[in-house]
Amino acid sequence: MKISTRGQYGLEALIGLALKSTSTPVSLKSITSDCGLSESYILQIFLMLKKAGILTSVRGAQGGYMLSREPSQISVRQVLEAVEGPLAPVSCIVDDCNDPCGRYKMCAARLLWEKVKKRMDSLVDSITLADLVENVYAVDARENPDYSI
């Protein structure tokens, strides 16, 4: 399974938003310029995230986007599924699949794919937006150590 740029950029933009503010609206222009991403592409992604209940938007001069809940309450899985759809290594193990190849019941590899999906779901459920924000601070601390006494 490969995560598309929608998933990658969606997470990047949400991290950028969370770094700027979790309680006041942030303009799309501000988010995209900090992340170096296309404003029109992120707008498309943000509309999907808004529809999924991850973001809220505020109109007006001081408007922009806000997280709909705390970063610790938003899992990577929620974000990726909002912009990518169901996460699965193969399409036949997605809940709404109608057995496209006709071999589902006798597939020797099905158990493997189900285990891969279960582990992948568990992993992306366990990582939150807050964890990714903390990673930004950890990377910054490694890249820019403070040697003051």
C-alpha atoms as a PDB file:
ATOM      1  CA  MET A   1       0.000   0.000   0.000  1.00  0.00           C
ATOM      2  CA  LYS A   2       1.259   3.425  -0.887  1.00  0.00           C
ATOM      3  CA  ILE A   3       0.119   6.657   0.737  1.00  0.00           C
ATOM      4  CA  SER A   4      -0.457   9.334  -1.914  1.00  0.00           C
ATOM      5  CA  THR A   5       0.601  12.969  -1.719  1.00  0.00           C
ATOM      6  CA  ARG A   6      -2.911  13.739  -0.413  1.00  0.00           C
ATOM      7  CA  GLY A   7      -2.160  11.741   2.727  1.00  0.00           C
ATOM      8  CA  GLN A   8       1.381  13.038   3.059  1.00  0.00           C
ATOM      9  CA  TYR A   9       0.508  16.698   2.479  1.00  0.00           C
ATOM     10  CA  GLY A  10      -2.653  16.451   4.574  1.00  0.00           C
ATOM     11  CA  LEU A  11      -0.623  15.327   7.577  1.00  0.00           C
ATOM     12  CA  GLU A  12       2.041  17.982   6.919  1.00  0.00           C
ATOM     13  CA  ALA A  13      -0.551  20.749   6.691  1.00  0.00           C
ATOM     14  CA  LEU A  14      -2.321  19.580   9.870  1.00  0.00           C
ATOM     15  CA  ILE A  15       0.999  19.517  11.717  1.00  0.00           C
ATOM     16  CA  GLY A  16       1.652  23.044  10.456  1.00  0.00           C
ATOM     17  CA  LEU A  17      -1.788  24.119  11.628  1.00  0.00           C
ATOM     18  CA  ALA A  18      -1.301  22.519  15.059  1.00  0.00           C
ATOM     19  CA  LEU A  19       2.093  24.216  15.435  1.00  0.00           C
ATOM     20  CA  LYS A  20       0.551  27.623  14.718  1.00  0.00           C
ATOM     21  CA  SER A  21      -2.561  27.364  16.864  1.00  0.00           C
ATOM     22  CA  THR A  22      -5.039  24.874  18.251  1.00  0.00           C
ATOM     23  CA  SER A  23      -7.567  27.460  19.422  1.00  0.00           C
ATOM     24  CA  THR A  24      -7.729  30.251  16.838  1.00  0.00           C
ATOM     25  CA  PRO A  25      -8.282  30.121  13.076  1.00  0.00           C
ATOM     26  CA  VAL A  26      -5.193  30.068  10.866  1.00  0.00           C
ATOM     27  CA  SER A  27      -5.317  31.192   7.252  1.00  0.00           C
ATOM     28  CA  LEU A  28      -4.741  28.656   4.517  1.00  0.00           C
ATOM     29  CA  LYS A  29      -2.074  30.942   3.039  1.00  0.00           C
ATOM     30  CA  SER A  30      -0.150  30.963   6.317  1.00  0.00           C
ATOM     31  CA  ILE A  31      -0.250  27.181   6.631  1.00  0.00           C
ATOM     32  CA  THR A  32       0.780  26.503   3.054  1.00  0.00           C
ATOM     33  CA  SER A  33       3.581  29.071   2.988  1.00  0.00           C
ATOM     34  CA  ASP A  34       5.117  27.620   6.173  1.00  0.00           C
ATOM     35  CA  CYS A  35       4.897  24.073   4.791  1.00  0.00           C
ATOM     36  CA  GLY A  36       5.865  24.988   1.223  1.00  0.00           C
ATOM     37  CA  LEU A  37       2.730  23.367  -0.197  1.00  0.00           C
ATOM     38  CA  SER A  38       0.294  24.364  -2.940  1.00  0.00           C
ATOM     39  CA  GLU A  39      -2.601  26.405  -1.589  1.00  0.00           C
ATOM     40  CA  SER A  40      -5.119  25.026  -4.094  1.00  0.00           C
ATOM     41  CA  TYR A  41      -4.102  21.412  -3.396  1.00  0.00           C
ATOM     42  CA  ILE A  42      -4.260  21.856   0.377  1.00  0.00           C
ATOM     43  CA  LEU A  43      -7.662  23.523   0.022  1.00  0.00           C
ATOM     44  CA  GLN A  44      -8.965  20.347  -1.666  1.00  0.00           C
ATOM     45  CA  ILE A  45      -7.509  18.223   1.133  1.00  0.00           C
ATOM     46  CA  PHE A  46      -8.865  20.538   3.841  1.00  0.00           C
ATOM     47  CA  LEU A  47     -12.354  20.244   2.375  1.00  0.00           C
ATOM     48  CA  MET A  48     -12.114  16.454   2.807  1.00  0.00           C
ATOM     49  CA  LEU A  49     -10.805  16.880   6.365  1.00  0.00           C
ATOM     50  CA  LYS A  50     -13.608  19.324   7.143  1.00  0.00           C
ATOM     51  CA  LYS A  51     -16.188  16.858   5.813  1.00  0.00           C
ATOM     52  CA  ALA A  52     -14.646  14.161   8.051  1.00  0.00           C
ATOM     53  CA  GLY A  53     -14.986  16.425  11.100  1.00  0.00           C
ATOM     54  CA  ILE A  54     -11.257  16.895  11.635  1.00  0.00           C
ATOM     55  CA  LEU A  55     -11.224  20.591  10.719  1.00  0.00           C
ATOM     56  CA  THR A  56     -13.604  23.487  11.114  1.00  0.00           C
ATOM     57  CA  SER A  57     -13.490  26.691   9.108  1.00  0.00           C
ATOM     58  CA  VAL A  58     -14.228  30.236  10.145  1.00  0.00           C
ATOM     59  CA  ARG A  59     -15.221  32.862   7.573  1.00  0.00           C
ATOM     60  CA  GLY A  60     -14.233  36.491   7.617  1.00  0.00           C
ATOM     61  CA  ALA A  61     -11.153  38.680   7.903  1.00  0.00           C
ATOM     62  CA  GLN A  62      -9.842  36.783  10.937  1.00  0.00           C
ATOM     63  CA  GLY A  63     -11.039  33.453   9.578  1.00  0.00           C
ATOM     64  CA  GLY A  64      -9.223  30.349   8.570  1.00  0.00           C
ATOM     65  CA  TYR A  65      -9.032  26.747   9.674  1.00  0.00           C
ATOM     66  CA  MET A  66      -8.918  25.171  13.116  1.00  0.00           C
ATOM     67  CA  LEU A  67      -8.675  21.632  14.384  1.00  0.00           C
ATOM     68  CA  SER A  68     -12.109  20.452  15.494  1.00  0.00           C
ATOM     69  CA  ARG A  69     -10.590  18.801  18.580  1.00  0.00           C
ATOM     70  CA  GLU A  70      -7.280  18.569  20.400  1.00  0.00           C
ATOM     71  CA  PRO A  71      -4.329  17.141  18.407  1.00  0.00           C
ATOM     72  CA  SER A  72      -4.124  14.280  20.906  1.00  0.00           C
ATOM     73  CA  GLN A  73      -7.654  13.277  19.879  1.00  0.00           C
ATOM     74  CA  ILE A  74      -6.888  13.062  16.136  1.00  0.00           C
ATOM     75  CA  SER A  75      -5.248   9.844  14.994  1.00  0.00           C
ATOM     76  CA  VAL A  76      -3.143   9.430  11.889  1.00  0.00           C
ATOM     77  CA  ARG A  77      -5.655   6.793  10.780  1.00  0.00           C
ATOM     78  CA  GLN A  78      -8.535   9.297  10.916  1.00  0.00           C
ATOM     79  CA  VAL A  79      -6.586  11.743   8.764  1.00  0.00           C
ATOM     80  CA  LEU A  80      -5.397   9.183   6.221  1.00  0.00           C
ATOM     81  CA  GLU A  81      -8.810   7.545   5.856  1.00  0.00           C
ATOM     82  CA  ALA A  82     -10.432  10.966   5.407  1.00  0.00           C
ATOM     83  CA  VAL A  83      -8.233  11.765   2.415  1.00  0.00           C
ATOM     84  CA  GLU A  84      -7.200   8.321   1.120  1.00  0.00           C
ATOM     85  CA  GLY A  85     -10.188   6.124   1.914  1.00  0.00           C
ATOM     86  CA  PRO A  86      -9.846   2.751   3.646  1.00  0.00           C
ATOM     87  CA  LEU A  87      -6.281   1.706   4.404  1.00  0.00           C
ATOM     88  CA  ALA A  88      -5.586  -1.789   3.139  1.00  0.00           C
ATOM     89  CA  PRO A  89      -2.687  -3.595   1.459  1.00  0.00           C
ATOM     90  CA  VAL A  90      -5.159  -5.198  -0.999  1.00  0.00           C
ATOM     91  CA  SER A  91      -8.679  -4.133  -1.935  1.00  0.00           C
ATOM     92  CA  CYS A  92     -10.413  -7.435  -1.168  1.00  0.00           C
ATOM     93  CA  ILE A  93     -10.061  -7.067   2.613  1.00  0.00           C
ATOM     94  CA  VAL A  94     -11.801  -3.703   2.804  1.00  0.00           C
ATOM     95  CA  ASP A  95     -15.114  -4.010   4.655  1.00  0.00           C
ATOM     96  CA  ASP A  96     -17.287  -2.943   1.721  1.00  0.00           C
ATOM     97  CA  CYS A  97     -15.521  -5.101  -0.874  1.00  0.00           C
ATOM     98  CA  ASN A  98     -17.701  -7.382  -2.974  1.00  0.00           C
ATOM     99  CA  ASP A  99     -15.070 -10.079  -3.608  1.00  0.00           C
ATOM    100  CA  PRO A 100     -13.700  -8.582  -6.856  1.00  0.00           C
ATOM    101  CA  CYS A 101     -11.506 -11.524  -7.804  1.00  0.00           C
ATOM    102  CA  GLY A 102     -13.951 -14.301  -6.876  1.00  0.00           C
ATOM    103  CA  ARG A 103     -11.301 -16.081  -4.794  1.00  0.00           C
ATOM    104  CA  TYR A 104     -11.776 -14.445  -1.388  1.00  0.00           C
ATOM    105  CA  LYS A 105     -13.023 -17.554   0.434  1.00  0.00           C
ATOM    106  CA  MET A 106     -10.270 -19.789  -0.919  1.00  0.00           C
ATOM    107  CA  CYS A 107      -7.407 -17.257  -1.075  1.00  0.00           C
ATOM    108  CA  ALA A 108      -4.273 -18.657   0.536  1.00  0.00           C
ATOM    109  CA  ALA A 109      -2.809 -15.184   1.131  1.00  0.00           C
ATOM    110  CA  ARG A 110      -5.954 -13.635   2.646  1.00  0.00           C
ATOM    111  CA  LEU A 111      -4.868 -14.360   6.221  1.00  0.00           C
ATOM    112  CA  LEU A 112      -1.575 -12.567   5.562  1.00  0.00           C
ATOM    113  CA  TRP A 113      -3.328  -9.494   4.136  1.00  0.00           C
ATOM    114  CA  GLU A 114      -5.784  -9.411   7.039  1.00  0.00           C
ATOM    115  CA  LYS A 115      -2.899  -9.522   9.538  1.00  0.00           C
ATOM    116  CA  VAL A 116      -1.049  -6.772   7.690  1.00  0.00           C
ATOM    117  CA  LYS A 117      -4.185  -4.589   7.710  1.00  0.00           C
ATOM    118  CA  LYS A 118      -4.824  -5.242  11.398  1.00  0.00           C
ATOM    119  CA  ARG A 119      -1.262  -4.288  12.354  1.00  0.00           C
ATOM    120  CA  MET A 120      -1.289  -1.261  10.095  1.00  0.00           C
ATOM    121  CA  ASP A 121      -4.616  -0.094  11.566  1.00  0.00           C
ATOM    122  CA  SER A 122      -3.269  -0.584  15.080  1.00  0.00           C
ATOM    123  CA  LEU A 123      -0.142   1.424  14.310  1.00  0.00           C
ATOM    124  CA  VAL A 124      -1.851   4.409  12.673  1.00  0.00           C
ATOM    125  CA  ASP A 125      -4.524   4.381  15.404  1.00  0.00           C
ATOM    126  CA  SER A 126      -1.816   4.632  18.058  1.00  0.00           C
ATOM    127  CA  ILE A 127      -0.147   7.736  16.603  1.00  0.00           C
ATOM    128  CA  THR A 128      -1.855  11.086  17.033  1.00  0.00           C
ATOM    129  CA  LEU A 129      -1.357  14.505  15.556  1.00  0.00           C
ATOM    130  CA  ALA A 130       0.077  15.550  18.942  1.00  0.00           C
ATOM    131  CA  ASP A 131       2.741  12.820  18.592  1.00  0.00           C
ATOM    132  CA  LEU A 132       3.724  14.198  15.183  1.00  0.00           C
ATOM    133  CA  VAL A 133       3.916  17.740  16.570  1.00  0.00           C
ATOM    134  CA  GLU A 134       6.223  16.458  19.325  1.00  0.00           C
ATOM    135  CA  ASN A 135       8.396  14.903  16.606  1.00  0.00           C
ATOM    136  CA  VAL A 136       8.804  18.356  15.053  1.00  0.00           C
ATOM    137  CA  TYR A 137      10.152  19.684  18.353  1.00  0.00           C
ATOM    138  CA  ALA A 138      12.452  16.664  18.781  1.00  0.00           C
ATOM    139  CA  VAL A 139      13.886  17.069  15.273  1.00  0.00           C
ATOM    140  CA  ASP A 140      14.349  20.807  15.833  1.00  0.00           C
ATOM    141  CA  ALA A 141      16.187  20.151  19.107  1.00  0.00           C
ATOM    142  CA  ARG A 142      18.533  17.687  17.356  1.00  0.00           C
ATOM    143  CA  GLU A 143      19.155  20.036  14.436  1.00  0.00           C
ATOM    144  CA  ASN A 144      19.558  23.172  16.574  1.00  0.00           C
ATOM    145  CA  PRO A 145      21.067  22.162  19.923  1.00  0.00           C
ATOM    146  CA  ASP A 146      21.137  24.769  22.684  1.00  0.00           C
ATOM    147  CA  TYR A 147      24.629  25.064  24.153  1.00  0.00           C
ATOM    148  CA  SER A 148      23.892  27.957  26.507  1.00  0.00           C
ATOM    149  CA  ILE A 149      24.977  27.733  30.101  1.00  0.00           C
END
